[in-house]
Amino acid sequence: MKKLKYLLPLLLIFLIACNSTNNKDSEMQKGTFGYDLAFLRKHHKDLVLLENGDAKLIVLPAYQGRIMTSTAEGNAGASFGWLNHELIATGKFTEHFSAFGGEERFWLGPEGGQFSIYFKKGVDFTFDNWFVPKELDTEAFELVASDKTSAQFEKQMQLENFSGTRFNLKVRRDIRLLHDSSINALLGTVPAGVHAVGFQSENAITNTGNTTWNKQTGMLSIWILSMLNAGDKTTIAIPYKQGDSASLGKMVTDDYFGKVPADRLKVGDGIILFKADGNLRSKIGISPERALPMALSYDAQNNVLTIAQFSLPGNTKDYVNSLWEQQQHPFSGDAVNAYNDGPVQGKQMGKFYELESSSPAAALAPGATQTHLHRTIHLKGTKESLNQIVQQLLGVGIDTLVL
């Protein structure tokens, strides 16, 4: 009884401490990682948390193994992914696309055209007829393995495109939180005092059917999209190959949702700048002939540099075309895209922007596999330290990345 007498107060102190830690996360200010962690834990009991010191990220099996958000400075640090808290809280899916947000999600292309998997056969290419396949929107991916810094997911899918071609495939998604040594190896030495978080997803699709995917009946591609928080002083910067337009084609496609105004898009010597303030719905694309395996964004208000790196094989120019129309050239699409959200008829999805990369069109024989790697690194520090990193990567000063 004496032992129990002394143990009970200790147990009470332990329980109070645990509850206090949980309360600290739940009481954190909106915009912090701790706030989003507590919020998502409330609505998703299967949440996967990967962490290495202050570098952390959240992955949800229910949302197709989606990386929801990350931080470089622990629970009190900024939450880099854009989340639709209101929709997530309802626990419901919406008709065309459940825009839950998330810092990196897996999709498949093409979105539009005669080989689209987002429009049923014979319908017009209008929003009323556009639906994200349930396998990419409402169905969970299976968590097959995980540890402190990695998680692997799988999903069997059956899809049909606008032309009536059926695809049987298996998706595998391997997510890894990067260690500081890996980030230094990828970027060059990161200056002291810079807080960093980096992660990557290796995404694979395998043809589990009996027929080869080809240009006559349509092909799929891996499409990775990152939803990040927009800001009035945030600019997307995409390096591109310079050269003659006769051989490399135009430098940027800038008319997805109407021509992007000149004050929001600047094509400089080797770098394209695109406003990421969440105030005008607009999108740009870079062809595989012009693309380089990198895109960046710079938040000059909060001193955050974001770097996306991705697979860009040089042996193919066949990328699926996602324009919403019957296409003359269905395999002349973009390798890299960027999107800025904004109001449409008085409504807006959210204050976010996207960095997007795609794999080539997958000409897969039965049993064959295609992979696509997409990597994201956030760096938070002084302007001077971030300037050093930009100099190492692009050979220009950080003020060059301000539009």
Protein backbone atom coordinates (compact mmCIF):
# COMPACT_ATOMS: atom_id res chain seq x y z
CA MET A 1 0.00 0.00 0.00
CA LYS A 2 2.89 2.37 0.76
CA LYS A 3 4.31 1.84 -2.75
CA LEU A 4 0.90 2.56 -4.26
CA LYS A 5 0.64 5.67 -2.08
CA TYR A 6 3.85 7.07 -3.59
CA LEU A 7 3.18 5.86 -7.15
CA LEU A 8 -0.23 7.51 -7.48
CA PRO A 9 1.09 11.12 -7.30
CA LEU A 10 3.82 10.25 -9.82
CA LEU A 11 1.23 8.78 -12.18
CA LEU A 12 -0.94 11.87 -11.77
CA ILE A 13 2.02 14.14 -12.61
CA PHE A 14 2.78 12.05 -15.70
CA LEU A 15 -0.83 12.23 -16.93
CA ILE A 16 -0.96 15.99 -16.36
CA ALA A 17 2.30 16.44 -18.28
CA CYS A 18 1.02 14.40 -21.24
CA ASN A 19 -2.26 16.29 -21.27
CA SER A 20 -0.37 19.58 -21.03
CA THR A 21 1.72 18.66 -24.11
CA ASN A 22 -1.42 17.79 -26.09
CA ASN A 23 -3.09 21.00 -24.97
CA LYS A 24 -0.04 23.02 -26.05
CA ASP A 25 -0.36 21.65 -29.59
CA SER A 26 -4.11 22.18 -29.72
CA GLU A 27 -3.78 25.74 -28.40
CA MET A 28 -1.09 26.75 -30.87
CA GLN A 29 -1.75 29.58 -33.27
CA LYS A 30 -3.25 28.77 -36.63
CA GLY A 31 -0.48 28.64 -39.21
CA THR A 32 1.87 26.62 -37.01
CA PHE A 33 2.66 22.97 -37.54
CA GLY A 34 1.45 22.12 -34.03
CA TYR A 35 -1.98 23.57 -34.80
CA ASP A 36 -2.29 21.52 -37.99
CA LEU A 37 -1.00 18.38 -36.27
CA ALA A 38 -3.62 18.63 -33.52
CA PHE A 39 -6.34 19.47 -36.05
CA LEU A 40 -5.54 16.56 -38.38
CA ARG A 41 -5.16 14.10 -35.48
CA LYS A 42 -8.67 15.02 -34.41
CA HIS A 43 -10.10 14.11 -37.81
CA HIS A 44 -7.72 11.32 -38.93
CA LYS A 45 -6.74 8.66 -36.42
CA ASP A 46 -4.54 6.95 -39.03
CA LEU A 47 -2.26 10.00 -39.38
CA VAL A 48 1.42 9.21 -40.01
CA LEU A 49 3.97 11.60 -38.49
CA LEU A 50 7.53 11.53 -39.81
CA GLU A 51 10.16 13.48 -37.89
CA ASN A 52 13.86 14.06 -37.50
CA GLY A 53 14.48 16.66 -34.81
CA ASP A 54 12.59 19.84 -35.71
CA ALA A 55 11.97 18.66 -39.30
CA LYS A 56 8.53 17.04 -39.45
CA LEU A 57 5.81 16.14 -41.92
CA ILE A 58 2.30 14.69 -41.81
CA VAL A 59 1.04 12.01 -44.20
CA LEU A 60 -2.56 10.79 -44.50
CA PRO A 61 -3.37 7.31 -45.88
CA ALA A 62 -7.03 8.35 -46.25
CA TYR A 63 -6.03 11.07 -48.71
CA GLN A 64 -4.03 8.81 -51.05
CA GLY A 65 -0.84 8.89 -49.01
CA ARG A 66 -0.84 12.69 -49.29
CA ILE A 67 1.82 14.78 -47.57
CA MET A 68 -0.38 17.34 -45.86
CA THR A 69 2.21 19.74 -44.45
CA SER A 70 5.73 20.05 -43.08
CA THR A 71 7.82 22.27 -40.83
CA ALA A 72 11.50 23.09 -40.34
CA GLU A 73 11.17 24.44 -36.78
CA GLY A 74 9.17 21.92 -34.77
CA ASN A 75 5.56 22.22 -33.66
CA ALA A 76 5.83 25.97 -33.07
CA GLY A 77 7.25 26.50 -36.57
CA ALA A 78 5.42 27.56 -39.70
CA SER A 79 3.23 24.97 -41.41
CA PHE A 80 4.21 25.05 -45.08
CA GLY A 81 1.32 23.13 -46.68
CA TRP A 82 -2.02 24.77 -47.50
CA LEU A 83 -4.93 23.01 -45.77
CA ASN A 84 -8.65 23.45 -46.31
CA HIS A 85 -9.51 23.21 -42.61
CA GLU A 86 -13.20 23.91 -43.15
CA LEU A 87 -13.71 21.07 -45.65
CA ILE A 88 -11.57 18.59 -43.71
CA ALA A 89 -13.62 19.29 -40.56
CA THR A 90 -16.85 18.27 -42.33
CA GLY A 91 -15.49 14.78 -43.00
CA LYS A 92 -17.26 14.89 -46.36
CA PHE A 93 -16.21 14.63 -50.00
CA THR A 94 -17.40 17.09 -52.62
CA GLU A 95 -18.80 16.26 -56.03
CA HIS A 96 -16.09 17.14 -58.55
CA PHE A 97 -12.96 17.31 -56.41
CA SER A 98 -12.47 17.22 -52.66
CA ALA A 99 -10.06 20.12 -52.26
CA PHE A 100 -8.63 19.16 -48.88
CA GLY A 101 -5.30 20.78 -49.72
CA GLY A 102 -2.00 19.17 -48.89
CA GLU A 103 1.62 19.93 -49.61
CA GLU A 104 2.13 17.07 -52.06
CA ARG A 105 -0.49 14.86 -53.66
CA PHE A 106 -0.43 12.07 -56.23
CA TRP A 107 -2.50 12.42 -59.40
CA LEU A 108 -2.44 10.94 -62.87
CA GLY A 109 -2.62 12.72 -66.23
CA PRO A 110 -3.98 13.65 -68.65
CA GLU A 111 -6.67 15.93 -67.27
CA GLY A 112 -8.28 16.92 -70.59
CA GLY A 113 -8.49 15.76 -74.21
CA GLN A 114 -9.53 12.53 -75.84
CA PHE A 115 -7.36 10.49 -73.48
CA SER A 116 -8.47 12.23 -70.27
CA ILE A 117 -9.38 10.16 -67.22
CA TYR A 118 -11.34 13.09 -65.74
CA PHE A 119 -14.09 13.18 -68.41
CA LYS A 120 -16.40 10.34 -69.40
CA LYS A 121 -16.72 9.31 -73.01
CA GLY A 122 -18.71 11.66 -75.25
CA VAL A 123 -19.24 14.56 -72.82
CA ASP A 124 -18.26 18.19 -73.41
CA PHE A 125 -15.07 19.46 -71.81
CA THR A 126 -16.78 21.68 -69.24
CA PHE A 127 -16.48 21.89 -65.47
CA ASP A 128 -19.90 20.29 -65.01
CA ASN A 129 -18.52 17.13 -66.62
CA TRP A 130 -15.10 17.16 -64.93
CA PHE A 131 -14.66 14.65 -62.09
CA VAL A 132 -11.49 13.53 -60.35
CA PRO A 133 -11.45 9.70 -60.32
CA LYS A 134 -12.43 8.29 -56.93
CA GLU A 135 -9.09 6.45 -56.74
CA LEU A 136 -7.35 9.85 -56.64
CA ASP A 137 -9.93 11.67 -54.53
CA THR A 138 -12.04 9.64 -52.11
CA GLU A 139 -10.32 6.25 -51.75
CA ALA A 140 -7.50 5.61 -49.29
CA PHE A 141 -4.09 4.21 -50.15
CA GLU A 142 -2.87 1.23 -48.14
CA LEU A 143 -0.01 1.92 -45.74
CA VAL A 144 2.29 -1.09 -46.27
CA ALA A 145 5.32 -0.02 -44.20
CA SER A 146 6.59 2.90 -42.14
CA ASP A 147 9.25 3.95 -39.69
CA LYS A 148 10.27 7.25 -38.08
CA THR A 149 11.32 8.90 -41.37
CA SER A 150 9.57 6.98 -44.15
CA ALA A 151 6.21 5.56 -45.25
CA GLN A 152 5.22 3.38 -48.21
CA PHE A 153 1.77 3.14 -49.77
CA GLU A 154 0.12 1.00 -52.45
CA LYS A 155 -3.13 1.15 -54.42
CA GLN A 156 -4.70 -1.02 -57.12
CA MET A 157 -6.67 0.99 -59.69
CA GLN A 158 -8.99 0.46 -62.64
CA LEU A 159 -9.52 3.58 -64.75
CA GLU A 160 -11.15 4.40 -68.09
CA ASN A 161 -10.32 7.33 -70.35
CA PHE A 162 -12.49 9.51 -72.57
CA SER A 163 -11.82 7.22 -75.55
CA GLY A 164 -12.97 4.12 -73.68
CA THR A 165 -9.56 2.60 -72.98
CA ARG A 166 -9.36 0.76 -69.67
CA PHE A 167 -6.25 0.80 -67.51
CA ASN A 168 -5.39 -1.69 -64.78
CA LEU A 169 -2.50 -0.50 -62.67
CA LYS A 170 -0.79 -0.60 -59.30
CA VAL A 171 0.51 2.58 -57.69
CA ARG A 172 3.36 2.59 -55.19
CA ARG A 173 4.30 5.72 -53.28
CA ASP A 174 7.47 5.80 -51.17
CA ILE A 175 7.82 8.93 -48.99
CA ARG A 176 11.05 9.80 -47.18
CA LEU A 177 12.04 12.62 -44.84
CA LEU A 178 15.53 13.80 -45.79
CA HIS A 179 18.37 14.10 -43.28
CA ASP A 180 20.46 17.26 -43.12
CA SER A 181 23.39 15.49 -44.80
CA SER A 182 21.19 14.67 -47.81
CA ILE A 183 19.98 18.27 -48.08
CA ASN A 184 23.57 19.54 -47.99
CA ALA A 185 24.56 17.05 -50.67
CA LEU A 186 21.68 18.17 -52.89
CA LEU A 187 22.07 21.94 -52.47
CA GLY A 188 25.65 22.48 -51.46
CA THR A 189 26.43 23.43 -47.88
CA VAL A 190 23.46 25.10 -46.21
CA PRO A 191 24.66 28.09 -44.13
CA ALA A 192 24.56 27.85 -40.34
CA GLY A 193 21.36 29.19 -38.83
CA VAL A 194 19.12 28.14 -41.73
CA HIS A 195 16.28 25.84 -40.68
CA ALA A 196 15.52 23.17 -43.27
CA VAL A 197 13.02 20.41 -43.95
CA GLY A 198 13.20 18.23 -47.02
CA PHE A 199 11.26 15.23 -48.23
CA GLN A 200 10.76 13.25 -51.41
CA SER A 201 8.25 10.87 -52.90
CA GLU A 202 9.19 8.12 -55.33
CA ASN A 203 6.03 7.31 -57.26
CA ALA A 204 5.65 4.23 -59.44
CA ILE A 205 2.88 2.96 -61.69
CA THR A 206 2.83 -0.63 -62.97
CA ASN A 207 0.67 -1.88 -65.85
CA THR A 208 -1.17 -4.85 -64.33
CA GLY A 209 -3.35 -5.37 -67.42
CA ASN A 210 -2.88 -7.50 -70.53
CA THR A 211 -2.33 -4.80 -73.17
CA THR A 212 0.41 -2.26 -73.81
CA TRP A 213 -0.38 1.43 -73.26
CA ASN A 214 0.23 3.34 -76.50
CA LYS A 215 -0.41 6.56 -78.42
CA GLN A 216 -3.39 5.14 -80.30
CA THR A 217 -5.50 4.34 -77.24
CA GLY A 218 -3.94 6.70 -74.69
CA MET A 219 -1.34 6.62 -71.94
CA LEU A 220 -1.16 7.78 -68.34
CA SER A 221 1.46 9.90 -66.61
CA ILE A 222 2.43 10.48 -62.99
CA TRP A 223 1.47 13.98 -61.86
CA ILE A 224 2.64 15.46 -58.55
CA LEU A 225 1.09 18.68 -57.23
CA SER A 226 2.11 20.76 -54.21
CA MET A 227 -0.33 23.18 -52.55
CA LEU A 228 1.57 25.85 -50.63
CA ASN A 229 0.51 28.99 -48.78
CA ALA A 230 0.37 32.05 -51.04
CA GLY A 231 1.56 35.50 -49.98
CA ASP A 232 1.66 39.03 -51.34
CA LYS A 233 5.46 38.86 -51.49
CA THR A 234 5.76 35.30 -52.79
CA THR A 235 7.13 34.59 -56.26
CA ILE A 236 7.54 31.34 -58.19
CA ALA A 237 10.86 31.11 -60.09
CA ILE A 238 11.31 28.46 -62.78
CA PRO A 239 14.67 28.13 -64.54
CA TYR A 240 14.47 27.10 -68.20
CA LYS A 241 16.71 26.23 -71.13
CA GLN A 242 17.54 29.22 -73.25
CA GLY A 243 17.84 28.85 -77.00
CA ASP A 244 16.26 29.37 -80.38
CA SER A 245 12.45 29.07 -80.42
CA ALA A 246 12.65 27.31 -83.80
CA SER A 247 14.29 24.30 -82.13
CA LEU A 248 13.09 24.53 -78.53
CA GLY A 249 9.65 26.09 -79.02
CA LYS A 250 8.04 28.80 -76.90
CA MET A 251 9.46 29.53 -73.47
CA VAL A 252 6.21 29.33 -71.51
CA THR A 253 2.53 28.50 -71.98
CA ASP A 254 0.67 31.32 -70.23
CA ASP A 255 -2.95 31.15 -71.39
CA TYR A 256 -4.53 28.21 -69.53
CA PHE A 257 -7.15 30.46 -67.91
CA GLY A 258 -6.66 33.47 -70.13
CA LYS A 259 -3.45 35.35 -70.77
CA VAL A 260 -1.45 36.02 -67.60
CA PRO A 261 -1.03 39.83 -67.20
CA ALA A 262 2.47 41.18 -67.79
CA ASP A 263 2.81 42.45 -64.22
CA ARG A 264 2.33 38.89 -62.93
CA LEU A 265 4.67 37.03 -65.28
CA LYS A 266 8.21 37.91 -66.32
CA VAL A 267 10.35 35.87 -68.70
CA GLY A 268 13.95 36.78 -67.93
CA ASP A 269 17.28 35.37 -69.05
CA GLY A 270 16.96 31.75 -68.02
CA ILE A 271 14.38 32.32 -65.25
CA ILE A 272 10.59 32.71 -65.42
CA LEU A 273 8.95 34.62 -62.55
CA PHE A 274 5.27 34.09 -61.72
CA LYS A 275 3.25 35.81 -59.00
CA ALA A 276 2.08 33.48 -56.20
CA ASP A 277 -0.20 35.73 -54.14
CA GLY A 278 -3.49 33.80 -54.41
CA ASN A 279 -5.22 36.80 -55.99
CA LEU A 280 -5.67 35.73 -59.63
CA ARG A 281 -6.44 32.26 -60.95
CA SER A 282 -3.70 31.60 -63.47
CA LYS A 283 -1.40 28.83 -64.64
CA ILE A 284 1.80 28.45 -66.64
CA GLY A 285 3.55 25.47 -68.20
CA ILE A 286 7.06 24.62 -69.38
CA SER A 287 7.60 22.08 -72.17
CA PRO A 288 10.08 19.19 -71.80
CA GLU A 289 12.27 20.89 -74.41
CA ARG A 290 12.61 23.96 -72.16
CA ALA A 291 12.27 22.46 -68.69
CA LEU A 292 15.02 21.91 -66.14
CA PRO A 293 14.59 19.54 -63.17
CA MET A 294 13.92 22.34 -60.66
CA ALA A 295 11.39 24.97 -59.65
CA LEU A 296 11.58 27.42 -56.75
CA SER A 297 9.50 29.90 -54.81
CA TYR A 298 10.60 32.71 -52.54
CA ASP A 299 8.51 34.21 -49.76
CA ALA A 300 10.25 37.54 -49.20
CA GLN A 301 8.00 38.42 -46.27
CA ASN A 302 8.82 35.37 -44.16
CA ASN A 303 12.27 34.62 -45.61
CA VAL A 304 11.38 31.14 -46.86
CA LEU A 305 12.97 29.60 -49.95
CA THR A 306 11.25 26.51 -51.37
CA ILE A 307 12.97 24.25 -53.86
CA ALA A 308 11.27 21.51 -55.87
CA GLN A 309 13.45 18.95 -57.67
CA PHE A 310 12.10 16.16 -59.85
CA SER A 311 12.80 13.52 -62.45
CA LEU A 312 13.24 14.88 -65.97
CA PRO A 313 14.50 12.18 -68.36
CA GLY A 314 16.09 13.63 -71.46
CA ASN A 315 15.28 10.75 -73.79
CA THR A 316 11.61 11.54 -74.44
CA LYS A 317 9.45 14.50 -75.42
CA ASP A 318 6.11 12.69 -75.09
CA TYR A 319 4.20 14.31 -72.22
CA VAL A 320 0.42 14.10 -71.95
CA ASN A 321 -1.56 17.19 -72.93
CA SER A 322 -4.15 18.25 -70.33
CA LEU A 323 -5.95 21.03 -72.23
CA TRP A 324 -9.74 20.71 -72.05
CA GLU A 325 -10.37 20.12 -75.77
CA GLN A 326 -10.13 17.58 -78.54
CA GLN A 327 -6.42 17.73 -79.20
CA GLN A 328 -4.38 17.60 -82.39
CA HIS A 329 -1.24 16.88 -80.36
CA PRO A 330 -2.21 14.84 -77.27
CA PHE A 331 1.42 14.11 -76.36
CA SER A 332 2.84 17.63 -76.52
CA GLY A 333 2.11 18.58 -72.92
CA ASP A 334 4.14 20.24 -70.16
CA ALA A 335 6.79 18.72 -67.92
CA VAL A 336 6.51 21.49 -65.29
CA ASN A 337 3.53 23.61 -64.25
CA ALA A 338 2.81 26.32 -61.70
CA TYR A 339 -0.63 27.49 -60.56
CA ASN A 340 -1.84 30.50 -58.61
CA ASP A 341 -5.34 30.37 -57.16
CA GLY A 342 -7.75 33.29 -57.17
CA PRO A 343 -11.45 34.23 -57.10
CA VAL A 344 -13.79 32.85 -59.76
CA GLN A 345 -17.31 34.33 -59.82
CA GLY A 346 -16.87 35.60 -56.29
CA LYS A 347 -15.69 32.26 -54.87
CA GLN A 348 -12.19 30.95 -54.20
CA MET A 349 -10.79 27.58 -53.29
CA GLY A 350 -8.08 29.11 -51.14
CA LYS A 351 -5.00 31.30 -50.77
CA PHE A 352 -2.52 28.87 -52.25
CA TYR A 353 -0.22 28.23 -55.18
CA GLU A 354 1.09 25.01 -56.70
CA LEU A 355 4.39 23.70 -58.00
CA GLU A 356 3.74 20.71 -60.27
CA SER A 357 5.85 18.12 -62.09
CA SER A 358 4.90 15.29 -64.42
CA SER A 359 6.48 12.13 -65.76
CA PRO A 360 6.58 11.39 -69.48
CA ALA A 361 3.63 9.50 -70.95
CA ALA A 362 3.97 5.90 -69.79
CA ALA A 363 4.24 3.53 -72.74
CA LEU A 364 4.09 0.47 -70.50
CA ALA A 365 3.90 -3.15 -71.60
CA PRO A 366 2.10 -5.57 -69.25
CA GLY A 367 4.11 -5.87 -66.03
CA ALA A 368 6.30 -2.84 -66.80
CA THR A 369 6.78 0.04 -64.34
CA GLN A 370 7.49 3.77 -64.63
CA THR A 371 8.72 5.91 -61.72
CA HIS A 372 8.80 9.63 -61.01
CA LEU A 373 10.64 11.33 -58.16
CA HIS A 374 9.52 14.66 -56.70
CA ARG A 375 11.45 16.36 -53.90
CA THR A 376 10.60 19.43 -51.80
CA ILE A 377 13.00 21.39 -49.59
CA HIS A 378 11.99 24.40 -47.45
CA LEU A 379 14.68 26.70 -46.07
CA LYS A 380 13.99 29.44 -43.54
CA GLY A 381 16.72 31.93 -42.60
CA THR A 382 18.04 35.40 -43.11
CA LYS A 383 17.92 36.97 -46.54
CA GLU A 384 21.72 36.86 -46.68
CA SER A 385 21.88 33.12 -45.98
CA LEU A 386 19.14 32.32 -48.50
CA ASN A 387 20.93 34.50 -51.04
CA GLN A 388 23.98 32.26 -50.68
CA ILE A 389 21.87 29.18 -51.52
CA VAL A 390 20.28 30.84 -54.56
CA GLN A 391 23.73 31.84 -55.78
CA GLN A 392 24.87 28.22 -55.48
CA LEU A 393 21.85 26.89 -57.37
CA LEU A 394 21.18 29.51 -60.04
CA GLY A 395 24.16 31.84 -60.09
CA VAL A 396 22.01 34.90 -59.36
CA GLY A 397 21.12 36.91 -56.26
CA ILE A 398 17.91 36.32 -54.35
CA ASP A 399 16.52 39.74 -55.34
CA THR A 400 16.32 38.32 -58.88
CA LEU A 401 13.51 36.08 -57.61
CA VAL A 402 11.27 38.98 -56.59
CA LEU A 403 8.51 40.04 -58.97
